[in-house]
């Protein structure tokens, strides 16, 4: 975010004065390359679902929602690099009104990526819960129409929240609310997981076994959640430290890894499609068909 990046510039000088940890600077080519790969991979997921009627089910709609979130995170960095390039070439007035507006739009994409990922993972978790413990009623409870309505409401809420956060990002309460969403939503998902696996164990003892496909979906979601936490938690921690202890040498030392944390966020968009393909035979077959068709056209 622009507010975060502006503060980071000040923190760089603070870290040099109060910390022995120099800022880790990564080449922009790394960010750009990882972002391009993330966009292309998640676009393949969306195209695979759109072209295959067998994949057009609520579960894959929710996966597409997560893919869109990942793609927005990658687009954020691509657009940011384009704006920097235009400014360096003299096409944009530094700190001008257009650049400020463009920065706000790009920052909104970044926030929308995080909020969309959290909400998509929450919806997927609820879907897996219903699949495991209400398997007979699943197709009556979770219909494609209802899934699309839920996703529409979800993205409308995320969009409104993202715009609000960017608009008031210079206020400390906004930063606190933003960072609080991360642990709160993850706590909800983790509680649902714990409940789900405890009930799964109890149910398995009574009925000998659970449908293997349903449990496989829950394991896939667990892997997705673990990757999400690993990639996004360092950035959220950075925001908290930047807000509450920017002058502390230990905080400044951690904040010297700002760009590394940024690369981790970009990597999340690259890793998720591999998880989909590895855990879903249907999606893996759809990917192969797309590659083979493009090769022989």
Protein backbone atom coordinates (compact mmCIF):
# COMPACT_ATOMS: atom_id res chain seq x y z
CA UNK A 1 0.00 0.00 0.00
CA UNK A 2 1.13 3.54 -0.62
CA UNK A 3 0.86 4.35 3.08
CA UNK A 4 2.98 1.32 3.92
CA UNK A 5 5.54 2.04 1.23
CA UNK A 6 5.90 5.67 2.30
CA UNK A 7 6.49 4.60 5.87
CA UNK A 8 8.92 1.96 4.66
CA UNK A 9 11.06 4.64 3.05
CA UNK A 10 11.31 6.34 6.45
CA UNK A 11 11.97 3.03 8.15
CA UNK A 12 14.92 2.38 5.85
CA UNK A 13 16.76 5.36 7.33
CA UNK A 14 15.64 4.37 10.83
CA UNK A 15 16.90 0.84 10.37
CA UNK A 16 20.28 2.14 9.24
CA UNK A 17 20.56 4.27 12.37
CA UNK A 18 19.09 1.91 14.97
CA UNK A 19 19.80 -1.51 13.51
CA UNK A 20 22.74 -3.41 12.05
CA UNK A 21 20.44 -5.08 9.52
CA UNK A 22 20.65 -3.51 6.04
CA UNK A 23 17.52 -3.50 3.92
CA UNK A 24 17.30 -6.52 1.61
CA UNK A 25 16.79 -5.21 -1.92
CA UNK A 26 15.61 -7.64 -4.59
CA UNK A 27 15.70 -6.97 -8.35
CA UNK A 28 12.37 -5.80 -9.76
CA UNK A 29 12.75 -8.50 -12.42
CA UNK A 30 12.09 -11.14 -9.73
CA UNK A 31 8.81 -9.50 -8.71
CA UNK A 32 7.75 -9.03 -12.32
CA UNK A 33 8.57 -12.60 -13.38
CA UNK A 34 6.86 -14.23 -10.41
CA UNK A 35 3.81 -11.99 -10.91
CA UNK A 36 3.52 -12.87 -14.62
CA UNK A 37 3.76 -16.59 -13.83
CA UNK A 38 1.11 -16.21 -11.11
CA UNK A 39 -1.31 -14.45 -13.46
CA UNK A 40 -0.86 -17.05 -16.22
CA UNK A 41 -1.24 -20.04 -13.89
CA UNK A 42 -4.42 -18.76 -12.25
CA UNK A 43 -5.81 -17.74 -15.64
CA UNK A 44 -5.35 -21.37 -16.68
CA UNK A 45 -7.41 -22.45 -13.67
CA UNK A 46 -10.24 -20.09 -14.63
CA UNK A 47 -10.16 -21.19 -18.28
CA UNK A 48 -10.11 -24.88 -17.32
CA UNK A 49 -13.26 -24.48 -15.22
CA UNK A 50 -14.96 -22.30 -17.84
CA UNK A 51 -14.28 -24.77 -20.68
CA UNK A 52 -15.20 -28.00 -18.84
CA UNK A 53 -18.80 -28.48 -17.78
CA UNK A 54 -17.74 -31.31 -15.48
CA UNK A 55 -15.80 -28.76 -13.40
CA UNK A 56 -18.64 -26.25 -13.20
CA UNK A 57 -19.70 -27.17 -9.67
CA UNK A 58 -19.85 -25.11 -6.44
CA UNK A 59 -16.53 -26.48 -5.20
CA UNK A 60 -14.68 -25.34 -8.32
CA UNK A 61 -16.52 -22.01 -8.29
CA UNK A 62 -15.01 -21.41 -4.85
CA UNK A 63 -11.59 -22.48 -6.13
CA UNK A 64 -11.98 -19.99 -8.99
CA UNK A 65 -12.70 -17.31 -6.39
CA UNK A 66 -9.39 -18.10 -4.69
CA UNK A 67 -7.65 -18.10 -8.07
CA UNK A 68 -9.05 -14.62 -8.79
CA UNK A 69 -7.72 -13.44 -5.42
CA UNK A 70 -4.27 -14.80 -6.24
CA UNK A 71 -4.38 -13.22 -9.68
CA UNK A 72 -5.26 -9.81 -8.21
CA UNK A 73 -2.21 -10.04 -5.95
CA UNK A 74 -0.01 -10.66 -8.98
CA UNK A 75 -1.69 -7.93 -11.04
CA UNK A 76 -1.02 -5.49 -8.23
CA UNK A 77 2.74 -5.84 -8.64
CA UNK A 78 2.61 -5.78 -12.44
CA UNK A 79 0.58 -2.55 -12.48
CA UNK A 80 2.83 -1.04 -9.83
CA UNK A 81 5.89 -1.75 -11.99
CA UNK A 82 4.15 -0.22 -15.02
CA UNK A 83 3.36 2.96 -13.05
CA UNK A 84 6.97 3.20 -11.83
CA UNK A 85 8.24 2.72 -15.39
CA UNK A 86 5.95 5.47 -16.75
CA UNK A 87 7.01 7.81 -13.94
CA UNK A 88 10.70 7.17 -14.60
CA UNK A 89 10.13 7.83 -18.31
CA UNK A 90 8.52 11.17 -17.50
CA UNK A 91 4.98 10.29 -18.59
CA UNK A 92 3.60 10.71 -15.05
CA UNK A 93 4.04 13.70 -12.80
CA UNK A 94 5.66 12.52 -9.52
CA UNK A 95 3.12 12.71 -6.69
CA UNK A 96 0.59 14.12 -9.17
CA UNK A 97 -3.17 13.64 -8.96
CA UNK A 98 -3.25 10.90 -11.61
CA UNK A 99 -0.46 8.96 -9.96
CA UNK A 100 -2.13 9.26 -6.56
CA UNK A 101 -5.43 7.98 -7.99
CA UNK A 102 -3.66 5.14 -9.82
CA UNK A 103 -1.80 4.25 -6.61
CA UNK A 104 -5.10 4.02 -4.74
CA UNK A 105 -6.57 1.73 -7.40
CA UNK A 106 -3.50 -0.52 -7.37
CA UNK A 107 -3.46 -0.57 -3.56
CA UNK A 108 -7.13 -1.57 -3.59
CA UNK A 109 -6.21 -4.59 -5.73
CA UNK A 110 -3.63 -5.62 -3.15
CA UNK A 111 -6.06 -5.35 -0.22
CA UNK A 112 -8.77 -7.04 -2.27
CA UNK A 113 -6.39 -9.94 -2.92
CA UNK A 114 -5.85 -10.52 0.80
CA UNK A 115 -9.52 -10.11 1.76
CA UNK A 116 -10.65 -12.26 -1.17
CA UNK A 117 -8.21 -15.02 -0.25
CA UNK A 118 -9.34 -15.11 3.37
CA UNK A 119 -13.04 -15.10 2.46
CA UNK A 120 -12.58 -17.68 -0.31
CA UNK A 121 -10.73 -20.03 2.05
CA UNK A 122 -13.51 -19.57 4.60
CA UNK A 123 -16.19 -20.44 2.05
CA UNK A 124 -14.22 -23.46 0.82
CA UNK A 125 -13.86 -24.63 4.43
CA UNK A 126 -17.64 -24.35 4.96
CA UNK A 127 -18.20 -26.21 1.68
CA UNK A 128 -15.90 -29.04 2.80
CA UNK A 129 -17.68 -29.20 6.15
CA UNK A 130 -21.06 -29.62 4.47
CA UNK A 131 -19.62 -32.16 2.04
CA UNK A 132 -18.30 -34.36 4.84
CA UNK A 133 -21.12 -34.21 7.38
CA UNK A 134 -24.16 -33.52 5.19
CA UNK A 135 -23.17 -35.52 2.13
CA UNK A 136 -26.71 -36.72 1.35
CA UNK A 137 -28.12 -33.19 1.46
CA UNK A 138 -25.08 -31.48 -0.08
CA UNK A 139 -26.48 -31.00 -3.58
CA UNK A 140 -29.70 -29.64 -2.12
CA UNK A 141 -27.92 -27.25 0.27
CA UNK A 142 -25.05 -26.10 -1.96
CA UNK A 143 -26.40 -25.44 -5.45
CA UNK A 144 -24.51 -23.62 -8.24
CA UNK A 145 -26.98 -20.72 -7.98
CA UNK A 146 -26.47 -20.36 -4.24
CA UNK A 147 -22.70 -20.62 -4.64
CA UNK A 148 -22.71 -17.77 -7.17
CA UNK A 149 -24.92 -15.65 -4.90
CA UNK A 150 -22.55 -16.23 -1.97
CA UNK A 151 -19.53 -15.32 -4.09
CA UNK A 152 -21.26 -12.18 -5.39
CA UNK A 153 -22.00 -11.00 -1.86
CA UNK A 154 -18.49 -11.98 -0.74
CA UNK A 155 -16.74 -10.00 -3.46
CA UNK A 156 -19.03 -7.01 -3.06
CA UNK A 157 -18.15 -6.91 0.65
CA UNK A 158 -14.44 -7.35 -0.05
CA UNK A 159 -14.48 -4.59 -2.66
CA UNK A 160 -16.20 -2.15 -0.32
CA UNK A 161 -13.86 -3.06 2.53
CA UNK A 162 -10.79 -2.72 0.30
CA UNK A 163 -11.77 0.76 -0.86
CA UNK A 164 -12.48 1.81 2.72
CA UNK A 165 -9.15 0.50 4.00
CA UNK A 166 -7.17 2.26 1.26
CA UNK A 167 -9.10 5.53 1.75
CA UNK A 168 -8.39 5.62 5.49
CA UNK A 169 -5.06 3.76 5.46
CA UNK A 170 -3.25 6.67 7.14
CA UNK A 171 -5.32 6.19 10.31
CA UNK A 172 -3.94 3.79 12.92
CA UNK A 173 -7.40 2.29 13.75
CA UNK A 174 -7.75 1.33 10.09
CA UNK A 175 -4.40 -0.46 10.16
CA UNK A 176 -5.40 -2.25 13.36
CA UNK A 177 -8.75 -3.31 11.86
CA UNK A 178 -7.00 -4.48 8.69
CA UNK A 179 -4.43 -6.60 10.51
CA UNK A 180 -7.10 -7.92 12.92
CA UNK A 181 -9.06 -9.40 10.01
CA UNK A 182 -6.20 -11.79 9.28
CA UNK A 183 -6.07 -13.60 12.66
CA UNK A 184 -9.84 -13.41 13.19
CA UNK A 185 -10.72 -15.05 9.90
CA UNK A 186 -7.93 -17.61 10.29
CA UNK A 187 -9.16 -18.40 13.81
CA UNK A 188 -12.62 -19.06 12.35
CA UNK A 189 -11.19 -21.37 9.69
CA UNK A 190 -8.94 -23.20 12.15
CA UNK A 191 -11.81 -23.71 14.60
CA UNK A 192 -13.93 -25.08 11.77
CA UNK A 193 -11.09 -27.41 10.77
CA UNK A 194 -10.59 -28.70 14.31
CA UNK A 195 -14.31 -29.31 14.67
CA UNK A 196 -14.41 -30.94 11.25
CA UNK A 197 -11.57 -33.37 11.90
CA UNK A 198 -12.80 -34.24 15.41
CA UNK A 199 -16.25 -35.03 14.03
CA UNK A 200 -14.65 -36.91 11.15
CA UNK A 201 -12.77 -39.16 13.58
CA UNK A 202 -15.90 -39.79 15.62
CA UNK A 203 -17.98 -40.41 12.51
CA UNK A 204 -15.36 -42.78 11.09
CA UNK A 205 -15.43 -44.87 14.27
CA UNK A 206 -19.19 -45.25 14.03
CA UNK A 207 -19.45 -45.94 10.31
CA UNK A 208 -16.06 -47.60 9.67
CA UNK A 209 -15.04 -45.02 7.08
CA UNK A 210 -15.74 -41.66 5.52
CA UNK A 211 -15.89 -41.01 1.77
CA UNK A 212 -12.25 -40.75 0.78
CA UNK A 213 -12.89 -38.01 -1.77
CA UNK A 214 -14.50 -35.78 0.85
CA UNK A 215 -11.57 -36.13 3.24
CA UNK A 216 -9.15 -35.56 0.37
CA UNK A 217 -10.84 -32.21 -0.26
CA UNK A 218 -10.40 -31.27 3.40
CA UNK A 219 -6.71 -32.18 3.27
CA UNK A 220 -6.28 -30.10 0.10
CA UNK A 221 -7.83 -27.13 1.84
CA UNK A 222 -5.52 -27.62 4.82
CA UNK A 223 -2.52 -27.45 2.48
CA UNK A 224 -3.91 -24.28 0.84
CA UNK A 225 -4.43 -22.67 4.23
CA UNK A 226 -0.91 -23.56 5.35
CA UNK A 227 0.61 -22.02 2.23
CA UNK A 228 -1.55 -18.91 2.64
CA UNK A 229 -0.43 -18.39 6.24
CA UNK A 230 3.22 -18.97 5.34
CA UNK A 231 3.10 -16.44 2.47
CA UNK A 232 0.96 -13.68 4.02
CA UNK A 233 1.71 -13.77 7.76
CA UNK A 234 5.18 -12.11 7.41
CA UNK A 235 3.61 -9.12 5.64
CA UNK A 236 0.85 -8.75 8.25
CA UNK A 237 3.49 -8.88 10.98
CA UNK A 238 5.46 -6.22 9.09
CA UNK A 239 2.42 -3.91 9.11
CA UNK A 240 1.95 -4.39 12.86
CA UNK A 241 5.61 -3.71 13.66
CA UNK A 242 5.68 -0.71 11.35
CA UNK A 243 2.65 0.75 13.13
CA UNK A 244 3.60 0.13 16.75
CA UNK A 245 7.41 -0.02 16.95
CA UNK A 246 9.00 1.60 13.86
CA UNK A 247 11.93 2.99 15.90
CA UNK A 248 12.79 -0.22 17.74
CA UNK A 249 16.04 -1.73 16.32
CA UNK A 250 14.66 -5.28 16.46
CA UNK A 251 11.49 -4.26 14.64
CA UNK A 252 13.57 -2.32 12.12
CA UNK A 253 15.73 -5.38 11.57
CA UNK A 254 12.68 -7.49 10.71
CA UNK A 255 11.29 -4.74 8.49
CA UNK A 256 14.47 -4.80 6.45
CA UNK A 257 12.98 -7.97 4.91
CA UNK A 258 10.07 -6.01 3.42
CA UNK A 259 10.80 -7.03 -0.17
CA UNK A 260 11.32 -10.67 0.78
CA UNK A 261 7.86 -10.65 2.36
CA UNK A 262 6.53 -9.17 -0.87
CA UNK A 263 8.02 -12.00 -2.93
CA UNK A 264 6.38 -14.53 -0.58
CA UNK A 265 2.99 -12.96 -1.32
CA UNK A 266 3.65 -13.26 -5.05
CA UNK A 267 4.73 -16.90 -4.60
CA UNK A 268 1.36 -17.74 -3.06
CA UNK A 269 -0.28 -17.12 -6.43
CA UNK A 270 2.26 -19.42 -8.10
CA UNK A 271 1.99 -22.28 -5.60
CA UNK A 272 -1.80 -22.57 -5.33
CA UNK A 273 -2.45 -23.77 -8.93
CA UNK A 274 0.12 -26.53 -8.44
CA UNK A 275 -1.80 -27.64 -5.34
CA UNK A 276 -5.06 -27.70 -7.32
CA UNK A 277 -3.47 -29.76 -10.08
CA UNK A 278 -1.68 -32.13 -7.72
CA UNK A 279 -4.75 -32.80 -5.55
CA UNK A 280 -7.48 -32.76 -8.23
CA UNK A 281 -7.31 -35.39 -11.02
CA UNK A 282 -10.19 -33.68 -12.86
CA UNK A 283 -8.39 -30.35 -12.97
CA UNK A 284 -5.13 -32.05 -13.91
CA UNK A 285 -6.82 -33.70 -16.90
CA UNK A 286 -8.33 -30.35 -17.91
CA UNK A 287 -4.88 -28.73 -17.82
CA UNK A 288 -3.42 -31.50 -20.00
CA UNK A 289 -6.22 -31.10 -22.54
CA UNK A 290 -5.64 -27.36 -22.73
CA UNK A 291 -1.90 -27.81 -23.28
CA UNK A 292 -2.32 -30.55 -25.89
CA UNK A 293 -5.00 -28.62 -27.79
CA UNK A 294 -2.86 -25.49 -27.90
CA UNK A 295 0.14 -27.51 -29.05
CA UNK A 296 -1.62 -29.04 -32.06
CA UNK A 297 -3.57 -25.98 -33.15
